[in-house]
Amino acid sequence: MTNITPIKVTIDSFQELVIKKSHKQLVILDISAEWCGPCKILESVLNSVIAEYNYDEFLLAKLEAEDENMKIAGQYSVRGFPTVIAFVRGKEVDRFHSAKEHDFVHDFIDRNLEGF
């Protein structure tokens, strides 16, 4: 089993790595900020959860909410960090914000994998 590796996304690669790829597989986008305490907590939870999946089950994309990347956060009406958005076929299908427990994140991923 090969684990999922998070990929970094910027405003320049967002269309290719999130929108286009979501037509082939579920894309989970983690929008976070370097200075954000709950973001660091969620990052370790996400890393723990994704270790339970194969690399080809879904894509985990990470967007650092700074500079030009803030335009993506604004486009999706992100009100706080971290915000995690699920994309299927180019559209947002689900989201949550703030740090969550392992089981919550696992259920979020499973629920959205079913929708693909």
C-alpha atoms as a PDB file:
ATOM      1  CA  MET A   1       0.000   0.000   0.000  1.00  0.00           C
ATOM      2  CA  THR A   2       1.363   3.373  -1.005  1.00  0.00           C
ATOM      3  CA  ASN A   3       0.149   6.275   1.072  1.00  0.00           C
ATOM      4  CA  ILE A   4      -1.222   9.575  -0.125  1.00  0.00           C
ATOM      5  CA  THR A   5       1.248  12.441  -0.181  1.00  0.00           C
ATOM      6  CA  PRO A   6      -0.216  15.946   0.172  1.00  0.00           C
ATOM      7  CA  ILE A   7       0.555  18.227  -2.753  1.00  0.00           C
ATOM      8  CA  LYS A   8       1.058  21.984  -2.459  1.00  0.00           C
ATOM      9  CA  VAL A   9      -1.289  24.113  -4.522  1.00  0.00           C
ATOM     10  CA  THR A  10      -0.951  27.785  -5.431  1.00  0.00           C
ATOM     11  CA  ILE A  11      -3.214  30.175  -7.290  1.00  0.00           C
ATOM     12  CA  ASP A  12      -1.244  29.259 -10.436  1.00  0.00           C
ATOM     13  CA  SER A  13      -1.726  25.485 -10.088  1.00  0.00           C
ATOM     14  CA  PHE A  14      -5.222  25.461  -8.519  1.00  0.00           C
ATOM     15  CA  GLN A  15      -7.140  24.963 -11.776  1.00  0.00           C
ATOM     16  CA  GLU A  16      -4.931  22.055 -12.855  1.00  0.00           C
ATOM     17  CA  LEU A  17      -4.373  20.300  -9.503  1.00  0.00           C
ATOM     18  CA  VAL A  18      -7.797  20.788  -7.891  1.00  0.00           C
ATOM     19  CA  ILE A  19     -10.494  21.520 -10.461  1.00  0.00           C
ATOM     20  CA  LYS A  20      -9.242  19.354 -13.373  1.00  0.00           C
ATOM     21  CA  LYS A  21      -8.097  16.464 -11.178  1.00  0.00           C
ATOM     22  CA  SER A  22     -11.461  16.419  -9.378  1.00  0.00           C
ATOM     23  CA  HIS A  23     -13.017  15.129 -12.606  1.00  0.00           C
ATOM     24  CA  LYS A  24     -10.956  11.934 -12.187  1.00  0.00           C
ATOM     25  CA  GLN A  25     -10.890  11.539  -8.398  1.00  0.00           C
ATOM     26  CA  LEU A  26     -12.013  13.152  -5.167  1.00  0.00           C
ATOM     27  CA  VAL A  27      -9.851  16.140  -4.244  1.00  0.00           C
ATOM     28  CA  ILE A  28      -9.660  17.268  -0.617  1.00  0.00           C
ATOM     29  CA  LEU A  29      -8.334  20.831  -0.332  1.00  0.00           C
ATOM     30  CA  ASP A  30      -6.874  21.932   3.012  1.00  0.00           C
ATOM     31  CA  ILE A  31      -6.722  25.732   3.184  1.00  0.00           C
ATOM     32  CA  SER A  32      -4.570  26.757   6.123  1.00  0.00           C
ATOM     33  CA  ALA A  33      -2.206  29.445   7.353  1.00  0.00           C
ATOM     34  CA  GLU A  34       1.327  29.159   8.728  1.00  0.00           C
ATOM     35  CA  TRP A  35       0.487  31.185  11.878  1.00  0.00           C
ATOM     36  CA  CYS A  36      -2.712  29.233  12.658  1.00  0.00           C
ATOM     37  CA  GLY A  37      -2.629  26.930  15.714  1.00  0.00           C
ATOM     38  CA  PRO A  38      -5.727  24.866  14.781  1.00  0.00           C
ATOM     39  CA  CYS A  39      -4.204  24.409  11.287  1.00  0.00           C
ATOM     40  CA  LYS A  40      -1.167  22.661  12.793  1.00  0.00           C
ATOM     41  CA  ILE A  41      -3.444  20.391  14.854  1.00  0.00           C
ATOM     42  CA  LEU A  42      -5.553  19.518  11.803  1.00  0.00           C
ATOM     43  CA  GLU A  43      -2.430  18.887   9.715  1.00  0.00           C
ATOM     44  CA  SER A  44      -1.307  16.117  12.065  1.00  0.00           C
ATOM     45  CA  VAL A  45      -4.844  14.649  12.113  1.00  0.00           C
ATOM     46  CA  LEU A  46      -4.991  14.737   8.295  1.00  0.00           C
ATOM     47  CA  ASN A  47      -1.582  13.047   8.035  1.00  0.00           C
ATOM     48  CA  SER A  48      -2.779  10.307  10.386  1.00  0.00           C
ATOM     49  CA  VAL A  49      -6.048   9.789   8.481  1.00  0.00           C
ATOM     50  CA  ILE A  50      -4.551   9.745   4.977  1.00  0.00           C
ATOM     51  CA  ALA A  51      -2.119   7.020   6.059  1.00  0.00           C
ATOM     52  CA  GLU A  52      -5.166   4.715   6.072  1.00  0.00           C
ATOM     53  CA  TYR A  53      -5.849   5.178   2.342  1.00  0.00           C
ATOM     54  CA  ASN A  54      -4.095   4.199  -0.887  1.00  0.00           C
ATOM     55  CA  TYR A  55      -2.511   7.003  -2.905  1.00  0.00           C
ATOM     56  CA  ASP A  56      -4.978   6.579  -5.772  1.00  0.00           C
ATOM     57  CA  GLU A  57      -8.176   6.840  -3.678  1.00  0.00           C
ATOM     58  CA  PHE A  58      -8.176  10.638  -3.520  1.00  0.00           C
ATOM     59  CA  LEU A  59      -5.882  13.642  -3.734  1.00  0.00           C
ATOM     60  CA  LEU A  60      -5.029  15.818  -0.729  1.00  0.00           C
ATOM     61  CA  ALA A  61      -4.125  19.339  -1.810  1.00  0.00           C
ATOM     62  CA  LYS A  62      -2.772  21.988   0.588  1.00  0.00           C
ATOM     63  CA  LEU A  63      -3.172  25.698  -0.031  1.00  0.00           C
ATOM     64  CA  GLU A  64      -1.241  28.126   2.145  1.00  0.00           C
ATOM     65  CA  ALA A  65      -3.569  31.117   2.644  1.00  0.00           C
ATOM     66  CA  GLU A  66      -1.167  33.950   1.964  1.00  0.00           C
ATOM     67  CA  ASP A  67      -0.483  36.511  -0.738  1.00  0.00           C
ATOM     68  CA  GLU A  68      -2.084  35.624  -4.085  1.00  0.00           C
ATOM     69  CA  ASN A  69      -3.460  32.349  -2.699  1.00  0.00           C
ATOM     70  CA  MET A  70      -5.914  34.376  -0.591  1.00  0.00           C
ATOM     71  CA  LYS A  71      -7.892  34.928  -3.808  1.00  0.00           C
ATOM     72  CA  ILE A  72      -8.775  31.208  -3.791  1.00  0.00           C
ATOM     73  CA  ALA A  73      -9.884  31.438  -0.148  1.00  0.00           C
ATOM     74  CA  GLY A  74     -12.019  34.455  -1.067  1.00  0.00           C
ATOM     75  CA  GLN A  75     -13.475  32.748  -4.126  1.00  0.00           C
ATOM     76  CA  TYR A  76     -14.744  29.917  -1.896  1.00  0.00           C
ATOM     77  CA  SER A  77     -15.924  32.260   0.912  1.00  0.00           C
ATOM     78  CA  VAL A  78     -13.485  30.857   3.459  1.00  0.00           C
ATOM     79  CA  ARG A  79     -14.198  32.609   6.771  1.00  0.00           C
ATOM     80  CA  GLY A  80     -11.537  30.994   8.949  1.00  0.00           C
ATOM     81  CA  PHE A  81      -8.643  28.575   8.963  1.00  0.00           C
ATOM     82  CA  PRO A  82      -8.298  25.727   8.545  1.00  0.00           C
ATOM     83  CA  THR A  83     -11.065  25.102   6.025  1.00  0.00           C
ATOM     84  CA  VAL A  84     -11.222  21.765   4.212  1.00  0.00           C
ATOM     85  CA  ILE A  85     -13.240  21.517   0.995  1.00  0.00           C
ATOM     86  CA  ALA A  86     -14.116  18.374  -0.979  1.00  0.00           C
ATOM     87  CA  PHE A  87     -14.255  18.723  -4.775  1.00  0.00           C
ATOM     88  CA  VAL A  88     -15.990  16.312  -7.151  1.00  0.00           C
ATOM     89  CA  ARG A  89     -16.206  16.953 -10.902  1.00  0.00           C
ATOM     90  CA  GLY A  90     -14.998  20.542 -10.544  1.00  0.00           C
ATOM     91  CA  LYS A  91     -17.491  21.537  -7.858  1.00  0.00           C
ATOM     92  CA  GLU A  92     -17.400  21.939  -4.084  1.00  0.00           C
ATOM     93  CA  VAL A  93     -19.519  19.154  -2.573  1.00  0.00           C
ATOM     94  CA  ASP A  94     -18.703  19.393   1.142  1.00  0.00           C
ATOM     95  CA  ARG A  95     -16.591  21.334   3.641  1.00  0.00           C
ATOM     96  CA  PHE A  96     -15.650  21.742   7.273  1.00  0.00           C
ATOM     97  CA  HIS A  97     -13.591  24.255   9.200  1.00  0.00           C
ATOM     98  CA  SER A  98     -11.439  24.258  12.330  1.00  0.00           C
ATOM     99  CA  ALA A  99      -9.482  21.355  13.813  1.00  0.00           C
ATOM    100  CA  LYS A 100     -11.452  18.095  14.015  1.00  0.00           C
ATOM    101  CA  GLU A 101     -10.954  14.663  15.531  1.00  0.00           C
ATOM    102  CA  HIS A 102      -9.586  11.718  13.537  1.00  0.00           C
ATOM    103  CA  ASP A 103     -12.981   9.981  13.220  1.00  0.00           C
ATOM    104  CA  PHE A 104     -14.692  13.146  11.949  1.00  0.00           C
ATOM    105  CA  VAL A 105     -12.079  13.606   9.209  1.00  0.00           C
ATOM    106  CA  HIS A 106     -12.187   9.913   8.281  1.00  0.00           C
ATOM    107  CA  ASP A 107     -15.998  10.042   7.968  1.00  0.00           C
ATOM    108  CA  PHE A 108     -15.767  13.241   5.904  1.00  0.00           C
ATOM    109  CA  ILE A 109     -13.428  11.546   3.411  1.00  0.00           C
ATOM    110  CA  ASP A 110     -15.456   8.319   3.262  1.00  0.00           C
ATOM    111  CA  ARG A 111     -18.723  10.210   2.749  1.00  0.00           C
ATOM    112  CA  ASN A 112     -17.238  12.135  -0.155  1.00  0.00           C
ATOM    113  CA  LEU A 113     -15.569   9.093  -1.703  1.00  0.00           C
ATOM    114  CA  GLU A 114     -19.045   7.503  -1.880  1.00  0.00           C
ATOM    115  CA  GLY A 115     -20.250  10.491  -3.880  1.00  0.00           C
ATOM    116  CA  PHE A 116     -17.620  10.034  -6.555  1.00  0.00           C
END
